[in-house]
Structures are given as structure tokens and as C-alpha cells.
Amino acid sequence: MTKALKKAFEAASKLPKAEQDALAAAILEELESERRWDELFRRSADTLAKVAQQALAEDRAGRTKPLGDPL
């Protein structure tokens, strides 16, 4: 455990129990959200690579416009 995390937990341990539980729930929710995001990103890497190749091909073929140009 890092010094910063230990310091944060020590400070949190001084909070009332209800606030400790709320903080713990928020931390666990954030960790789960990050885990889900990482998994979704990992599973979509091939699709993202294909979309990027298609976009580059369209740009090379002159079928794109710079951002900010009027339609």
C-alpha cells in the first residue's frame, strides 16, 4: 500500500461509520467501473483498429473535410 493511500485510509477511519461505509461503497463502485471499462476497451480493440483503418483510407481517398469547415 502506498503512503498516500494509507494516509487516506487513516483519515477515513476517523469518519463516522455511515460515512466510512459510503466512502467504501464509492471506492468499490469506481474500481468496478474501471474494471468494466478496461474489459470493454480490451474487447473492442480489433473493431477500433478496423474503424481507424477505414477512416484513414477515406482520408487518403479525399473523402474527408477538416473539422470546422462548413458543410
N, C-alpha and C. Protein backbone atom coordinates (compact mmCIF):
# COMPACT_ATOMS: atom_id res chain seq x y z
N MET A 1 0.86 -1.17 0.00
CA MET A 1 0.00 0.00 0.00
C MET A 1 0.90 1.23 0.00
N THR A 2 0.55 2.21 -0.81
CA THR A 2 1.35 3.43 -0.87
C THR A 2 1.11 4.28 0.37
N LYS A 3 2.04 5.21 0.61
CA LYS A 3 1.89 6.11 1.76
C LYS A 3 0.64 6.97 1.62
N ALA A 4 0.38 7.42 0.39
CA ALA A 4 -0.79 8.28 0.16
C ALA A 4 -2.09 7.52 0.45
N LEU A 5 -2.18 6.27 -0.01
CA LEU A 5 -3.40 5.50 0.23
C LEU A 5 -3.56 5.20 1.72
N LYS A 6 -2.44 4.88 2.38
CA LYS A 6 -2.50 4.61 3.82
C LYS A 6 -2.98 5.85 4.56
N LYS A 7 -2.47 7.02 4.18
CA LYS A 7 -2.89 8.28 4.81
C LYS A 7 -4.38 8.53 4.59
N ALA A 8 -4.86 8.26 3.37
CA ALA A 8 -6.28 8.45 3.07
C ALA A 8 -7.14 7.51 3.91
N PHE A 9 -6.72 6.25 4.03
CA PHE A 9 -7.49 5.30 4.83
C PHE A 9 -7.47 5.67 6.31
N GLU A 10 -6.33 6.16 6.79
CA GLU A 10 -6.27 6.59 8.19
C GLU A 10 -7.22 7.76 8.43
N ALA A 11 -7.27 8.71 7.50
CA ALA A 11 -8.19 9.83 7.64
C ALA A 11 -9.64 9.35 7.57
N ALA A 12 -9.92 8.43 6.65
CA ALA A 12 -11.28 7.91 6.51
C ALA A 12 -11.71 7.14 7.75
N SER A 13 -10.76 6.50 8.40
CA SER A 13 -11.11 5.69 9.59
C SER A 13 -11.61 6.56 10.74
N LYS A 14 -11.39 7.86 10.67
CA LYS A 14 -11.84 8.78 11.72
C LYS A 14 -13.26 9.30 11.46
N LEU A 15 -13.78 9.00 10.30
CA LEU A 15 -15.14 9.43 9.96
C LEU A 15 -16.16 8.56 10.70
N PRO A 16 -17.39 9.07 10.84
CA PRO A 16 -18.46 8.23 11.40
C PRO A 16 -18.66 6.99 10.52
N LYS A 17 -19.15 5.93 11.12
CA LYS A 17 -19.29 4.65 10.40
C LYS A 17 -20.12 4.78 9.12
N ALA A 18 -21.18 5.54 9.16
CA ALA A 18 -22.02 5.69 7.97
C ALA A 18 -21.24 6.34 6.84
N GLU A 19 -20.42 7.33 7.16
CA GLU A 19 -19.62 7.99 6.14
C GLU A 19 -18.51 7.06 5.63
N GLN A 20 -17.96 6.25 6.50
CA GLN A 20 -16.96 5.26 6.08
C GLN A 20 -17.59 4.28 5.09
N ASP A 21 -18.79 3.82 5.42
CA ASP A 21 -19.47 2.88 4.53
C ASP A 21 -19.78 3.51 3.18
N ALA A 22 -20.20 4.78 3.19
CA ALA A 22 -20.49 5.48 1.94
C ALA A 22 -19.23 5.65 1.11
N LEU A 23 -18.14 6.00 1.76
CA LEU A 23 -16.86 6.15 1.05
C LEU A 23 -16.39 4.82 0.49
N ALA A 24 -16.51 3.77 1.28
CA ALA A 24 -16.12 2.43 0.80
C ALA A 24 -16.95 2.02 -0.40
N ALA A 25 -18.24 2.28 -0.36
CA ALA A 25 -19.11 1.93 -1.48
C ALA A 25 -18.71 2.71 -2.73
N ALA A 26 -18.39 4.00 -2.57
CA ALA A 26 -17.98 4.82 -3.72
C ALA A 26 -16.67 4.32 -4.31
N ILE A 27 -15.72 3.96 -3.47
CA ILE A 27 -14.44 3.45 -3.95
C ILE A 27 -14.63 2.14 -4.69
N LEU A 28 -15.40 1.24 -4.12
CA LEU A 28 -15.64 -0.05 -4.76
C LEU A 28 -16.38 0.11 -6.08
N GLU A 29 -17.32 1.02 -6.13
CA GLU A 29 -18.06 1.28 -7.36
C GLU A 29 -17.12 1.82 -8.45
N GLU A 30 -16.24 2.73 -8.06
CA GLU A 30 -15.28 3.30 -9.02
C GLU A 30 -14.32 2.23 -9.54
N LEU A 31 -13.84 1.37 -8.65
CA LEU A 31 -12.94 0.29 -9.07
C LEU A 31 -13.64 -0.66 -10.04
N GLU A 32 -14.89 -0.98 -9.77
CA GLU A 32 -15.64 -1.87 -10.66
C GLU A 32 -15.89 -1.20 -12.01
N SER A 33 -16.19 0.08 -11.98
CA SER A 33 -16.40 0.82 -13.22
C SER A 33 -15.13 0.81 -14.07
N GLU A 34 -14.00 1.02 -13.46
CA GLU A 34 -12.72 0.99 -14.19
C GLU A 34 -12.46 -0.39 -14.76
N ARG A 35 -12.76 -1.43 -13.98
CA ARG A 35 -12.56 -2.80 -14.45
C ARG A 35 -13.43 -3.08 -15.68
N ARG A 36 -14.70 -2.64 -15.62
CA ARG A 36 -15.61 -2.84 -16.76
C ARG A 36 -15.13 -2.07 -17.98
N TRP A 37 -14.69 -0.83 -17.79
CA TRP A 37 -14.19 -0.02 -18.90
C TRP A 37 -12.98 -0.70 -19.55
N ASP A 38 -12.04 -1.16 -18.73
CA ASP A 38 -10.85 -1.84 -19.25
C ASP A 38 -11.24 -3.06 -20.06
N GLU A 39 -12.20 -3.83 -19.57
CA GLU A 39 -12.64 -5.04 -20.28
C GLU A 39 -13.31 -4.69 -21.61
N LEU A 40 -14.18 -3.69 -21.59
CA LEU A 40 -14.85 -3.28 -22.83
C LEU A 40 -13.85 -2.75 -23.85
N PHE A 41 -12.90 -1.97 -23.39
CA PHE A 41 -11.88 -1.43 -24.29
C PHE A 41 -11.03 -2.56 -24.87
N ARG A 42 -10.65 -3.50 -24.04
CA ARG A 42 -9.84 -4.65 -24.48
C ARG A 42 -10.58 -5.44 -25.55
N ARG A 43 -11.88 -5.66 -25.34
CA ARG A 43 -12.67 -6.45 -26.30
C ARG A 43 -12.93 -5.69 -27.60
N SER A 44 -12.83 -4.37 -27.57
CA SER A 44 -13.16 -3.59 -28.76
C SER A 44 -11.92 -3.18 -29.56
N ALA A 45 -10.74 -3.60 -29.16
CA ALA A 45 -9.51 -3.15 -29.82
C ALA A 45 -9.50 -3.48 -31.31
N ASP A 46 -9.92 -4.68 -31.68
CA ASP A 46 -9.94 -5.06 -33.10
C ASP A 46 -10.90 -4.19 -33.90
N THR A 47 -12.07 -3.95 -33.35
CA THR A 47 -13.06 -3.11 -34.02
C THR A 47 -12.54 -1.69 -34.18
N LEU A 48 -11.93 -1.16 -33.13
CA LEU A 48 -11.40 0.20 -33.20
C LEU A 48 -10.30 0.29 -34.26
N ALA A 49 -9.46 -0.72 -34.36
CA ALA A 49 -8.40 -0.73 -35.36
C ALA A 49 -8.99 -0.73 -36.78
N LYS A 50 -10.04 -1.51 -36.99
CA LYS A 50 -10.69 -1.56 -38.31
C LYS A 50 -11.31 -0.21 -38.67
N VAL A 51 -11.98 0.41 -37.71
CA VAL A 51 -12.60 1.71 -37.95
C VAL A 51 -11.53 2.75 -38.26
N ALA A 52 -10.43 2.70 -37.55
CA ALA A 52 -9.33 3.64 -37.80
C ALA A 52 -8.77 3.45 -39.21
N GLN A 53 -8.60 2.21 -39.63
CA GLN A 53 -8.10 1.94 -40.99
C GLN A 53 -9.07 2.46 -42.05
N GLN A 54 -10.36 2.28 -41.80
CA GLN A 54 -11.37 2.78 -42.74
C GLN A 54 -11.31 4.31 -42.82
N ALA A 55 -11.16 4.96 -41.68
CA ALA A 55 -11.10 6.43 -41.66
C ALA A 55 -9.86 6.92 -42.40
N LEU A 56 -8.74 6.27 -42.19
CA LEU A 56 -7.52 6.66 -42.90
C LEU A 56 -7.66 6.46 -44.40
N ALA A 57 -8.29 5.36 -44.81
CA ALA A 57 -8.49 5.10 -46.23
C ALA A 57 -9.39 6.17 -46.85
N GLU A 58 -10.45 6.55 -46.15
CA GLU A 58 -11.34 7.60 -46.65
C GLU A 58 -10.60 8.93 -46.76
N ASP A 59 -9.72 9.23 -45.80
CA ASP A 59 -8.96 10.46 -45.86
C ASP A 59 -8.00 10.44 -47.05
N ARG A 60 -7.30 9.33 -47.24
CA ARG A 60 -6.37 9.22 -48.37
C ARG A 60 -7.10 9.33 -49.71
N ALA A 61 -8.35 8.89 -49.74
CA ALA A 61 -9.14 8.96 -50.97
C ALA A 61 -9.77 10.34 -51.17
N GLY A 62 -9.53 11.26 -50.22
CA GLY A 62 -10.05 12.61 -50.36
C GLY A 62 -11.51 12.76 -50.01
N ARG A 63 -12.05 11.83 -49.26
CA ARG A 63 -13.48 11.88 -48.92
C ARG A 63 -13.73 12.46 -47.53
N THR A 64 -12.78 13.21 -46.99
CA THR A 64 -12.96 13.83 -45.68
C THR A 64 -12.75 15.33 -45.79
N LYS A 65 -13.22 16.06 -44.78
CA LYS A 65 -13.04 17.50 -44.71
C LYS A 65 -12.43 17.83 -43.36
N PRO A 66 -11.62 18.89 -43.31
CA PRO A 66 -11.08 19.30 -42.00
C PRO A 66 -12.22 19.70 -41.06
N LEU A 67 -12.02 19.49 -39.77
CA LEU A 67 -13.01 19.89 -38.78
C LEU A 67 -13.17 21.40 -38.81
N GLY A 68 -14.38 21.86 -38.61
CA GLY A 68 -14.65 23.28 -38.56
C GLY A 68 -15.04 23.89 -39.88
N ASP A 69 -14.86 23.17 -40.99
CA ASP A 69 -15.27 23.68 -42.28
C ASP A 69 -16.79 23.57 -42.42
N PRO A 70 -17.41 24.55 -43.03
CA PRO A 70 -18.85 24.45 -43.24
C PRO A 70 -19.18 23.29 -44.18
N LEU A 71 -20.32 22.73 -43.96
CA LEU A 71 -20.75 21.59 -44.78
C LEU A 71 -21.08 22.02 -46.13
